[in-house]
Amino acid sequence: MKIFAPFLVLAVVASQAMAVIPIPIKECTKTVVVKSTDTGCIQFATANGINFKQLLAWNQKLRTDCMNLDVDAPMCVSITPKAPKPKAPKPKAPKAPKCPKPKAPKKPKAPKKPKCNTKA
């Protein structure tokens, strides 16, 4: 048993050194510290008004099996929504200047026939 104990200690130390700690993304606006009463990622996410997919996306290096959801670790539960990019106005083709259409020359009117009162 004396030989086994140093290997066990070495294994624990090595596993702690290789532990990956989740990091909230830079757009994070609210973090919540994991408590000992939190039972897993889905429960933690639901309790904070988000879903599991958001929890994974907003916390870099959080494992999908949640084995690194550690007590006292800050987890991102809210981000700044990305503002839609303003649409650049579409360039309009320059309009040709409006020129008055040439009017057709007026046809000379035929002379009016005189009204004659002819009684037969």
Protein backbone atom coordinates (compact mmCIF):
# COMPACT_ATOMS: atom_id res chain seq x y z
CA MET A 1 0.00 0.00 0.00
CA LYS A 2 2.93 2.34 0.59
CA ILE A 3 3.91 2.14 -3.09
CA PHE A 4 0.35 2.74 -4.31
CA ALA A 5 -0.21 5.96 -2.29
CA PRO A 6 2.43 8.07 -4.12
CA PHE A 7 0.96 7.02 -7.50
CA LEU A 8 -2.51 7.95 -6.34
CA VAL A 9 -1.30 11.38 -5.21
CA LEU A 10 0.56 11.84 -8.49
CA ALA A 11 -2.56 10.90 -10.47
CA VAL A 12 -4.70 13.41 -8.56
CA VAL A 13 -2.13 16.19 -9.00
CA ALA A 14 -1.79 15.42 -12.70
CA SER A 15 -5.55 15.42 -13.25
CA GLN A 16 -5.86 18.79 -11.48
CA ALA A 17 -3.05 20.24 -13.61
CA MET A 18 -4.82 19.11 -16.78
CA ALA A 19 -8.21 20.43 -15.67
CA VAL A 20 -9.70 22.84 -18.17
CA ILE A 21 -11.43 25.80 -16.61
CA PRO A 22 -14.36 27.31 -18.53
CA ILE A 23 -13.87 30.97 -19.47
CA PRO A 24 -16.78 33.36 -20.07
CA ILE A 25 -16.65 34.95 -23.53
CA LYS A 26 -15.81 38.64 -23.90
CA GLU A 27 -19.42 39.61 -24.81
CA CYS A 28 -20.57 38.29 -21.42
CA THR A 29 -22.63 40.80 -19.43
CA LYS A 30 -23.52 38.63 -16.44
CA THR A 31 -21.74 35.80 -14.68
CA VAL A 32 -23.02 33.53 -11.94
CA VAL A 33 -20.76 31.55 -9.63
CA VAL A 34 -21.46 27.81 -9.58
CA LYS A 35 -22.71 26.67 -6.15
CA SER A 36 -22.33 23.28 -4.52
CA THR A 37 -26.10 22.85 -4.88
CA ASP A 38 -25.90 23.07 -8.69
CA THR A 39 -26.29 19.53 -9.96
CA GLY A 40 -25.27 19.89 -13.60
CA CYS A 41 -25.15 22.07 -16.68
CA ILE A 42 -28.79 21.74 -17.69
CA GLN A 43 -30.03 22.49 -14.17
CA PHE A 44 -27.58 25.42 -13.86
CA ALA A 45 -28.57 26.84 -17.26
CA THR A 46 -32.31 26.50 -16.62
CA ALA A 47 -31.99 28.08 -13.17
CA ASN A 48 -30.34 31.09 -14.83
CA GLY A 49 -32.84 31.50 -17.66
CA ILE A 50 -30.74 30.10 -20.51
CA ASN A 51 -30.46 26.77 -22.29
CA PHE A 52 -27.63 24.25 -22.40
CA LYS A 53 -26.57 25.30 -25.91
CA GLN A 54 -26.17 28.93 -24.78
CA LEU A 55 -24.23 27.86 -21.69
CA LEU A 56 -21.77 25.96 -23.88
CA ALA A 57 -21.48 28.78 -26.42
CA TRP A 58 -20.97 31.51 -23.82
CA ASN A 59 -18.38 29.65 -21.72
CA GLN A 60 -15.26 28.71 -23.67
CA LYS A 61 -13.77 25.33 -22.84
CA LEU A 62 -16.86 24.10 -20.97
CA ARG A 63 -17.02 20.40 -21.76
CA THR A 64 -20.20 18.98 -23.25
CA ASP A 65 -20.26 16.36 -20.47
CA CYS A 66 -19.97 19.23 -17.91
CA MET A 67 -17.23 17.47 -15.99
CA ASN A 68 -15.53 20.87 -15.56
CA LEU A 69 -18.56 22.70 -14.16
CA ASP A 70 -16.74 23.43 -10.92
CA VAL A 71 -18.03 24.97 -7.70
CA ASP A 72 -16.97 28.62 -7.31
CA ALA A 73 -16.30 28.98 -11.06
CA PRO A 74 -17.92 32.00 -12.75
CA MET A 75 -20.14 31.04 -15.67
CA CYS A 76 -21.58 33.41 -18.26
CA VAL A 77 -25.38 33.49 -18.29
CA SER A 78 -26.02 36.63 -20.39
CA ILE A 79 -24.36 38.34 -23.33
CA THR A 80 -24.67 41.60 -25.20
CA PRO A 81 -26.82 40.88 -28.23
CA LYS A 82 -25.01 41.55 -31.45
CA ALA A 83 -26.37 44.67 -33.04
CA PRO A 84 -27.40 44.16 -36.63
CA LYS A 85 -24.98 45.70 -39.05
CA PRO A 86 -26.40 48.87 -40.53
CA LYS A 87 -27.27 48.37 -44.14
CA ALA A 88 -25.40 50.65 -46.46
CA PRO A 89 -27.71 52.50 -48.79
CA LYS A 90 -27.68 51.00 -52.24
CA PRO A 91 -26.09 53.36 -54.72
CA LYS A 92 -28.66 54.64 -57.14
CA ALA A 93 -27.83 55.12 -60.76
CA PRO A 94 -27.77 58.79 -61.61
CA LYS A 95 -30.97 59.84 -63.28
CA ALA A 96 -30.78 61.47 -66.65
CA PRO A 97 -31.89 65.07 -66.57
CA LYS A 98 -35.51 65.46 -67.54
CA CYS A 99 -35.79 67.37 -70.74
CA PRO A 100 -39.12 68.48 -72.10
CA LYS A 101 -40.19 66.42 -75.04
CA PRO A 102 -40.30 68.44 -78.21
CA LYS A 103 -43.84 69.16 -79.19
CA ALA A 104 -44.95 68.22 -82.62
CA PRO A 105 -45.57 71.28 -84.75
CA LYS A 106 -49.21 72.18 -84.86
CA LYS A 107 -50.94 71.48 -88.07
CA PRO A 108 -52.47 74.55 -89.57
CA LYS A 109 -56.16 74.52 -89.03
CA ALA A 110 -58.34 74.40 -92.04
CA PRO A 111 -60.20 77.63 -92.48
CA LYS A 112 -63.64 77.54 -91.02
CA LYS A 113 -66.45 77.39 -93.45
CA PRO A 114 -68.66 80.37 -93.12
CA LYS A 115 -72.05 79.62 -91.84
CA CYS A 116 -74.46 80.71 -94.41
CA ASN A 117 -78.09 81.09 -93.87
CA THR A 118 -79.36 80.09 -97.16
CA LYS A 119 -83.02 79.58 -97.52
CA ALA A 120 -84.28 78.04 -100.57
